Protein backbone atom coordinates (compact mmCIF):
# COMPACT_ATOMS: atom_id res chain seq x y z
CA UNK A 1 0.00 0.00 0.00
CA UNK A 2 1.23 3.51 -0.85
CA UNK A 3 0.87 5.94 2.08
CA UNK A 4 2.72 9.04 0.84
CA UNK A 5 3.74 10.33 -2.59
CA UNK A 6 6.61 12.47 -3.84
CA UNK A 7 7.56 13.29 -7.41
CA UNK A 8 11.34 13.32 -7.20
CA UNK A 9 13.82 11.57 -4.93
CA UNK A 10 15.23 15.03 -4.10
CA UNK A 11 11.88 16.19 -2.64
CA UNK A 12 12.25 16.91 1.06
CA UNK A 13 8.55 16.38 1.82
CA UNK A 14 5.90 13.96 0.58
CA UNK A 15 2.10 14.14 0.71
CA UNK A 16 -0.06 11.71 2.67
CA UNK A 17 -2.55 10.03 0.32
CA UNK A 18 -4.39 7.86 2.88
CA UNK A 19 -6.43 8.63 5.98
CA UNK A 20 -5.39 7.72 9.47
CA UNK A 21 -1.59 7.73 9.45
CA UNK A 22 -0.62 7.37 13.11
CA UNK A 23 2.68 8.01 14.86
CA UNK A 24 4.80 4.87 14.78
CA UNK A 25 3.29 3.55 11.54
CA UNK A 26 5.65 2.13 8.93
CA UNK A 27 4.93 3.91 5.66
CA UNK A 28 5.61 3.26 2.01
CA UNK A 29 6.51 6.35 -0.02
CA UNK A 30 6.18 6.19 -3.79
CA UNK A 31 8.67 8.28 -5.79
CA UNK A 32 6.71 8.91 -8.98
CA UNK A 33 9.55 9.99 -11.29
CA UNK A 34 11.58 6.86 -10.50
CA UNK A 35 8.58 4.54 -9.99
CA UNK A 36 10.14 3.15 -6.86
CA UNK A 37 9.28 3.06 -3.19
CA UNK A 38 11.13 3.86 0.02
CA UNK A 39 10.13 3.15 3.59
CA UNK A 40 9.93 5.50 6.56
CA UNK A 41 8.27 5.63 9.96
CA UNK A 42 5.75 8.31 10.88
CA UNK A 43 6.86 10.17 14.00
CA UNK A 44 3.54 12.07 14.25
CA UNK A 45 -0.04 11.55 13.15
CA UNK A 46 -0.26 12.82 9.54
CA UNK A 47 -3.67 13.89 8.18
CA UNK A 48 -4.45 13.00 4.57
CA UNK A 49 -3.24 15.74 2.22
CA UNK A 50 -0.63 16.99 4.68
CA UNK A 51 3.12 16.77 4.24
CA UNK A 52 5.64 14.53 5.95
CA UNK A 53 9.37 15.25 6.13
CA UNK A 54 11.39 12.85 3.99
CA UNK A 55 14.69 14.10 5.42
CA UNK A 56 15.81 15.88 8.54
CA UNK A 57 14.99 19.56 8.00
CA UNK A 58 16.75 22.41 9.80
CA UNK A 59 15.66 26.01 10.27
CA UNK A 60 16.39 27.92 7.07
CA UNK A 61 16.39 24.88 4.77
CA UNK A 62 14.46 25.09 1.52
CA UNK A 63 11.45 22.77 1.30
CA UNK A 64 11.07 20.93 -2.01
CA UNK A 65 7.70 19.39 -2.95
CA UNK A 66 6.99 17.96 -6.42
CA UNK A 67 10.39 19.29 -7.51
CA UNK A 68 9.44 22.87 -6.59
CA UNK A 69 10.70 25.22 -3.85
CA UNK A 70 7.57 25.72 -1.70
CA UNK A 71 9.10 27.53 1.28
CA UNK A 72 11.53 27.44 4.14
CA UNK A 73 11.80 25.56 7.40
CA UNK A 74 11.03 27.70 10.48
CA UNK A 75 11.24 24.91 13.09
CA UNK A 76 13.38 21.79 12.82
CA UNK A 77 11.65 18.60 11.67
CA UNK A 78 13.02 15.09 11.63
CA UNK A 79 12.41 12.55 8.88
CA UNK A 80 8.92 11.18 9.47
CA UNK A 81 7.50 14.24 11.23
CA UNK A 82 4.44 16.22 10.19
CA UNK A 83 5.50 19.12 7.96
CA UNK A 84 2.92 21.90 7.93
CA UNK A 85 2.39 25.55 8.89
CA UNK A 86 3.95 25.01 12.33
CA UNK A 87 7.38 24.31 10.82
CA UNK A 88 7.21 25.50 7.17
CA UNK A 89 6.45 28.98 5.84
CA UNK A 90 6.32 30.44 2.35
CA UNK A 91 9.22 32.66 1.29
CA UNK A 92 6.77 35.19 -0.15
CA UNK A 93 6.20 36.97 3.17
C-alpha atoms as a PDB file:
ATOM      1  CA  UNK A   1       0.000   0.000   0.000  1.00  0.00           C
ATOM      2  CA  UNK A   2       1.232   3.509  -0.852  1.00  0.00           C
ATOM      3  CA  UNK A   3       0.868   5.937   2.075  1.00  0.00           C
ATOM      4  CA  UNK A   4       2.719   9.038   0.844  1.00  0.00           C
ATOM      5  CA  UNK A   5       3.742  10.333  -2.586  1.00  0.00           C
ATOM      6  CA  UNK A   6       6.609  12.469  -3.838  1.00  0.00           C
ATOM      7  CA  UNK A   7       7.560  13.287  -7.413  1.00  0.00           C
ATOM      8  CA  UNK A   8      11.339  13.320  -7.201  1.00  0.00           C
ATOM      9  CA  UNK A   9      13.825  11.575  -4.934  1.00  0.00           C
ATOM     10  CA  UNK A  10      15.232  15.033  -4.096  1.00  0.00           C
ATOM     11  CA  UNK A  11      11.878  16.192  -2.642  1.00  0.00           C
ATOM     12  CA  UNK A  12      12.250  16.908   1.064  1.00  0.00           C
ATOM     13  CA  UNK A  13       8.546  16.384   1.820  1.00  0.00           C
ATOM     14  CA  UNK A  14       5.902  13.956   0.585  1.00  0.00           C
ATOM     15  CA  UNK A  15       2.102  14.141   0.712  1.00  0.00           C
ATOM     16  CA  UNK A  16      -0.065  11.715   2.669  1.00  0.00           C
ATOM     17  CA  UNK A  17      -2.549  10.031   0.323  1.00  0.00           C
ATOM     18  CA  UNK A  18      -4.387   7.863   2.877  1.00  0.00           C
ATOM     19  CA  UNK A  19      -6.434   8.629   5.981  1.00  0.00           C
ATOM     20  CA  UNK A  20      -5.391   7.717   9.469  1.00  0.00           C
ATOM     21  CA  UNK A  21      -1.587   7.727   9.453  1.00  0.00           C
ATOM     22  CA  UNK A  22      -0.618   7.367  13.109  1.00  0.00           C
ATOM     23  CA  UNK A  23       2.676   8.013  14.855  1.00  0.00           C
ATOM     24  CA  UNK A  24       4.799   4.866  14.783  1.00  0.00           C
ATOM     25  CA  UNK A  25       3.294   3.546  11.545  1.00  0.00           C
ATOM     26  CA  UNK A  26       5.654   2.127   8.933  1.00  0.00           C
ATOM     27  CA  UNK A  27       4.935   3.915   5.660  1.00  0.00           C
ATOM     28  CA  UNK A  28       5.612   3.261   2.008  1.00  0.00           C
ATOM     29  CA  UNK A  29       6.506   6.353  -0.019  1.00  0.00           C
ATOM     30  CA  UNK A  30       6.176   6.191  -3.794  1.00  0.00           C
ATOM     31  CA  UNK A  31       8.666   8.278  -5.787  1.00  0.00           C
ATOM     32  CA  UNK A  32       6.705   8.910  -8.975  1.00  0.00           C
ATOM     33  CA  UNK A  33       9.549   9.986 -11.291  1.00  0.00           C
ATOM     34  CA  UNK A  34      11.585   6.860 -10.501  1.00  0.00           C
ATOM     35  CA  UNK A  35       8.584   4.543  -9.994  1.00  0.00           C
ATOM     36  CA  UNK A  36      10.145   3.146  -6.860  1.00  0.00           C
ATOM     37  CA  UNK A  37       9.284   3.060  -3.188  1.00  0.00           C
ATOM     38  CA  UNK A  38      11.126   3.858   0.017  1.00  0.00           C
ATOM     39  CA  UNK A  39      10.132   3.146   3.593  1.00  0.00           C
ATOM     40  CA  UNK A  40       9.926   5.500   6.559  1.00  0.00           C
ATOM     41  CA  UNK A  41       8.275   5.627   9.961  1.00  0.00           C
ATOM     42  CA  UNK A  42       5.748   8.314  10.876  1.00  0.00           C
ATOM     43  CA  UNK A  43       6.857  10.166  13.999  1.00  0.00           C
ATOM     44  CA  UNK A  44       3.542  12.065  14.246  1.00  0.00           C
ATOM     45  CA  UNK A  45      -0.043  11.554  13.151  1.00  0.00           C
ATOM     46  CA  UNK A  46      -0.257  12.817   9.542  1.00  0.00           C
ATOM     47  CA  UNK A  47      -3.665  13.892   8.183  1.00  0.00           C
ATOM     48  CA  UNK A  48      -4.452  12.996   4.574  1.00  0.00           C
ATOM     49  CA  UNK A  49      -3.235  15.738   2.216  1.00  0.00           C
ATOM     50  CA  UNK A  50      -0.626  16.988   4.678  1.00  0.00           C
ATOM     51  CA  UNK A  51       3.122  16.768   4.239  1.00  0.00           C
ATOM     52  CA  UNK A  52       5.642  14.527   5.950  1.00  0.00           C
ATOM     53  CA  UNK A  53       9.367  15.250   6.133  1.00  0.00           C
ATOM     54  CA  UNK A  54      11.386  12.848   3.986  1.00  0.00           C
ATOM     55  CA  UNK A  55      14.686  14.096   5.415  1.00  0.00           C
ATOM     56  CA  UNK A  56      15.815  15.885   8.543  1.00  0.00           C
ATOM     57  CA  UNK A  57      14.990  19.565   7.996  1.00  0.00           C
ATOM     58  CA  UNK A  58      16.754  22.409   9.804  1.00  0.00           C
ATOM     59  CA  UNK A  59      15.655  26.014  10.265  1.00  0.00           C
ATOM     60  CA  UNK A  60      16.391  27.924   7.065  1.00  0.00           C
ATOM     61  CA  UNK A  61      16.393  24.875   4.769  1.00  0.00           C
ATOM     62  CA  UNK A  62      14.465  25.094   1.524  1.00  0.00           C
ATOM     63  CA  UNK A  63      11.455  22.766   1.300  1.00  0.00           C
ATOM     64  CA  UNK A  64      11.067  20.928  -2.006  1.00  0.00           C
ATOM     65  CA  UNK A  65       7.703  19.386  -2.947  1.00  0.00           C
ATOM     66  CA  UNK A  66       6.990  17.960  -6.419  1.00  0.00           C
ATOM     67  CA  UNK A  67      10.386  19.288  -7.506  1.00  0.00           C
ATOM     68  CA  UNK A  68       9.441  22.870  -6.587  1.00  0.00           C
ATOM     69  CA  UNK A  69      10.696  25.217  -3.849  1.00  0.00           C
ATOM     70  CA  UNK A  70       7.575  25.724  -1.697  1.00  0.00           C
ATOM     71  CA  UNK A  71       9.098  27.531   1.275  1.00  0.00           C
ATOM     72  CA  UNK A  72      11.532  27.439   4.143  1.00  0.00           C
ATOM     73  CA  UNK A  73      11.799  25.557   7.397  1.00  0.00           C
ATOM     74  CA  UNK A  74      11.034  27.696  10.475  1.00  0.00           C
ATOM     75  CA  UNK A  75      11.245  24.909  13.088  1.00  0.00           C
ATOM     76  CA  UNK A  76      13.377  21.788  12.822  1.00  0.00           C
ATOM     77  CA  UNK A  77      11.650  18.602  11.667  1.00  0.00           C
ATOM     78  CA  UNK A  78      13.024  15.092  11.626  1.00  0.00           C
ATOM     79  CA  UNK A  79      12.408  12.551   8.881  1.00  0.00           C
ATOM     80  CA  UNK A  80       8.916  11.179   9.469  1.00  0.00           C
ATOM     81  CA  UNK A  81       7.496  14.236  11.229  1.00  0.00           C
ATOM     82  CA  UNK A  82       4.435  16.217  10.195  1.00  0.00           C
ATOM     83  CA  UNK A  83       5.501  19.122   7.957  1.00  0.00           C
ATOM     84  CA  UNK A  84       2.917  21.904   7.926  1.00  0.00           C
ATOM     85  CA  UNK A  85       2.388  25.552   8.888  1.00  0.00           C
ATOM     86  CA  UNK A  86       3.952  25.008  12.328  1.00  0.00           C
ATOM     87  CA  UNK A  87       7.381  24.306  10.817  1.00  0.00           C
ATOM     88  CA  UNK A  88       7.210  25.503   7.173  1.00  0.00           C
ATOM     89  CA  UNK A  89       6.455  28.979   5.838  1.00  0.00           C
ATOM     90  CA  UNK A  90       6.318  30.443   2.353  1.00  0.00           C
ATOM     91  CA  UNK A  91       9.222  32.657   1.288  1.00  0.00           C
ATOM     92  CA  UNK A  92       6.768  35.190  -0.147  1.00  0.00           C
ATOM     93  CA  UNK A  93       6.197  36.968   3.173  1.00  0.00           C
END
